[in-house]
Amino acid sequence: MNEIVSDKSWILLERCPIQNEHDIVKARQVVRQFGKEAGMGIVDQTRITTAVSELFRNMFLYAGGGEVLVEKGIVDERNTLIVTCIDQGPGIANIELAMTDGYTSGGGMGYGLPGSKRLVDRFEIYSQVNKGTTIRVMKWK
């Protein structure tokens, strides 16, 4: 799998650090607000917010935090809200296993990554052990 790269035509809307529980709440609100501003209905706002909430929590719990980039741009000829989660944590040794329903590396129920993937239109993940993980989700307008 290749490293995730941003398209230079995308517009950065907000950069949010994730260092504590308060940051998770704030970043989730930021994503919901930009979804609303993009013209998403309440169902799509809820889907993207739920998806990223899980990703933010994982970043905090397993990697000690990280950074979130919220962007907008054209992807596959569609207006798209793009959320990229970047951490410098331990990485994911087996992405295929981590994307399996029911798998958990901690005490969770194992719906995190695959559940987030089901809620968005595009899901990309790149991870290197001992270097970190980048996950990008996209929701069409």
Protein backbone atom coordinates (compact mmCIF):
# COMPACT_ATOMS: atom_id res chain seq x y z
CA MET A 1 0.00 0.00 0.00
CA ASN A 2 1.28 3.45 -0.89
CA GLU A 3 1.50 6.46 1.36
CA ILE A 4 -1.56 8.73 1.33
CA VAL A 5 -0.97 12.04 -0.44
CA SER A 6 -3.21 15.11 -0.62
CA ASP A 7 -4.31 16.61 -3.91
CA LYS A 8 -2.86 20.11 -4.29
CA SER A 9 -6.22 21.42 -5.50
CA TRP A 10 -7.96 20.58 -2.20
CA ILE A 11 -8.68 23.44 0.18
CA LEU A 12 -7.61 23.07 3.81
CA LEU A 13 -10.56 24.07 6.00
CA GLU A 14 -9.15 23.28 9.43
CA ARG A 15 -6.26 21.57 11.19
CA CYS A 16 -7.19 20.01 14.55
CA PRO A 17 -4.80 18.49 17.08
CA ILE A 18 -6.01 15.40 18.94
CA GLN A 19 -4.33 15.31 22.35
CA ASN A 20 -7.22 14.79 24.76
CA GLU A 21 -10.95 14.01 25.00
CA HIS A 22 -11.86 17.67 24.54
CA ASP A 23 -9.98 17.73 21.21
CA ILE A 24 -11.98 14.73 20.01
CA VAL A 25 -15.26 16.53 20.73
CA LYS A 26 -14.05 19.74 19.08
CA ALA A 27 -12.76 17.99 15.94
CA ARG A 28 -16.00 16.03 15.63
CA GLN A 29 -17.98 19.29 15.80
CA VAL A 30 -15.69 20.85 13.17
CA VAL A 31 -16.34 17.94 10.78
CA ARG A 32 -20.10 18.11 11.35
CA GLN A 33 -20.12 21.88 10.73
CA PHE A 34 -18.17 21.59 7.48
CA GLY A 35 -20.46 18.76 6.38
CA LYS A 36 -23.43 21.01 6.99
CA GLU A 37 -21.77 23.91 5.16
CA ALA A 38 -21.07 21.57 2.22
CA GLY A 39 -24.80 20.96 1.96
CA MET A 40 -24.91 17.44 3.39
CA GLY A 41 -28.21 16.30 4.82
CA ILE A 42 -28.48 15.31 8.46
CA VAL A 43 -28.01 11.59 7.66
CA ASP A 44 -24.72 12.17 5.81
CA GLN A 45 -23.56 14.62 8.49
CA THR A 46 -24.20 11.92 11.08
CA ARG A 47 -22.42 9.26 9.03
CA ILE A 48 -19.23 11.27 8.54
CA THR A 49 -19.28 12.48 12.15
CA THR A 50 -19.73 8.94 13.48
CA ALA A 51 -16.97 7.59 11.23
CA VAL A 52 -14.41 10.21 12.23
CA SER A 53 -15.37 10.07 15.89
CA GLU A 54 -14.22 6.44 15.98
CA LEU A 55 -11.00 7.32 14.13
CA PHE A 56 -10.24 10.23 16.48
CA ARG A 57 -10.81 8.04 19.52
CA ASN A 58 -8.54 5.31 18.12
CA MET A 59 -5.84 7.90 17.40
CA PHE A 60 -6.05 9.13 20.98
CA LEU A 61 -6.22 5.70 22.67
CA TYR A 62 -3.74 3.72 20.58
CA ALA A 63 -1.32 6.38 19.29
CA GLY A 64 -1.43 8.99 22.06
CA GLY A 65 -2.98 11.56 19.74
CA GLY A 66 -2.25 13.06 16.38
CA GLU A 67 -3.54 15.60 13.91
CA VAL A 68 -6.66 15.89 11.77
CA LEU A 69 -6.85 17.76 8.48
CA VAL A 70 -10.29 18.73 7.23
CA GLU A 71 -10.31 19.61 3.54
CA LYS A 72 -12.73 20.00 0.68
CA GLY A 73 -12.17 19.29 -2.95
CA ILE A 74 -13.26 17.50 -6.06
CA VAL A 75 -12.77 13.73 -6.00
CA ASP A 76 -14.10 11.55 -8.81
CA GLU A 77 -15.86 14.65 -10.16
CA ARG A 78 -17.81 15.10 -6.90
CA ASN A 79 -17.71 17.77 -4.23
CA THR A 80 -16.12 15.98 -1.30
CA LEU A 81 -15.43 16.54 2.39
CA ILE A 82 -12.05 14.98 3.13
CA VAL A 83 -10.84 14.13 6.66
CA THR A 84 -7.29 12.87 7.16
CA CYS A 85 -6.13 11.48 10.51
CA ILE A 86 -2.37 11.38 11.03
CA ASP A 87 -0.56 9.90 14.02
CA GLN A 88 2.98 8.94 14.95
CA GLY A 89 1.91 5.95 17.03
CA PRO A 90 2.89 2.28 16.95
CA GLY A 91 1.24 1.67 13.57
CA ILE A 92 -0.92 -1.25 12.53
CA ALA A 93 1.02 -4.44 11.85
CA ASN A 94 -1.77 -6.20 9.94
CA ILE A 95 -4.16 -3.80 8.21
CA GLU A 96 -6.19 -6.62 6.65
CA LEU A 97 -6.83 -8.12 10.08
CA ALA A 98 -7.59 -4.70 11.59
CA MET A 99 -10.22 -4.16 8.87
CA THR A 100 -12.01 -7.40 9.79
CA ASP A 101 -15.34 -7.08 11.58
CA GLY A 102 -15.02 -8.18 15.19
CA TYR A 103 -11.23 -7.80 15.42
CA THR A 104 -9.99 -5.68 18.29
CA SER A 105 -6.48 -4.95 19.47
CA GLY A 106 -7.85 -3.48 22.69
CA GLY A 107 -10.96 -3.94 24.74
CA GLY A 108 -13.42 -2.64 22.14
CA MET A 109 -16.13 -4.47 20.24
CA GLY A 110 -14.15 -4.57 16.97
CA TYR A 111 -16.40 -2.37 14.85
CA GLY A 112 -14.10 0.67 14.65
CA LEU A 113 -12.20 0.68 11.37
CA PRO A 114 -14.59 -1.48 9.30
CA GLY A 115 -17.55 0.40 10.77
CA SER A 116 -16.01 3.74 9.84
CA LYS A 117 -15.33 2.46 6.32
CA ARG A 118 -19.00 1.50 5.85
CA LEU A 119 -20.15 5.02 6.77
CA VAL A 120 -18.12 6.93 4.18
CA ASP A 121 -17.77 6.96 0.39
CA ARG A 122 -14.01 6.39 0.34
CA PHE A 123 -11.66 5.03 2.99
CA GLU A 124 -7.86 4.92 2.67
CA ILE A 125 -5.39 3.63 5.22
CA TYR A 126 -1.62 3.58 5.34
CA SER A 127 0.42 2.41 8.31
CA GLN A 128 4.00 1.56 9.17
CA VAL A 129 4.92 -0.23 12.38
CA ASN A 130 6.70 2.11 14.82
CA LYS A 131 6.10 5.11 12.53
CA GLY A 132 2.37 5.75 12.61
CA THR A 133 -0.88 5.57 10.70
CA THR A 134 -2.69 7.82 8.27
CA ILE A 135 -6.38 7.26 7.55
CA ARG A 136 -8.36 9.36 5.10
CA VAL A 137 -12.12 9.26 4.78
CA MET A 138 -14.21 11.03 2.19
CA LYS A 139 -17.89 11.80 1.98
CA TRP A 140 -19.46 13.07 -1.23
CA LYS A 141 -21.75 16.08 -1.02
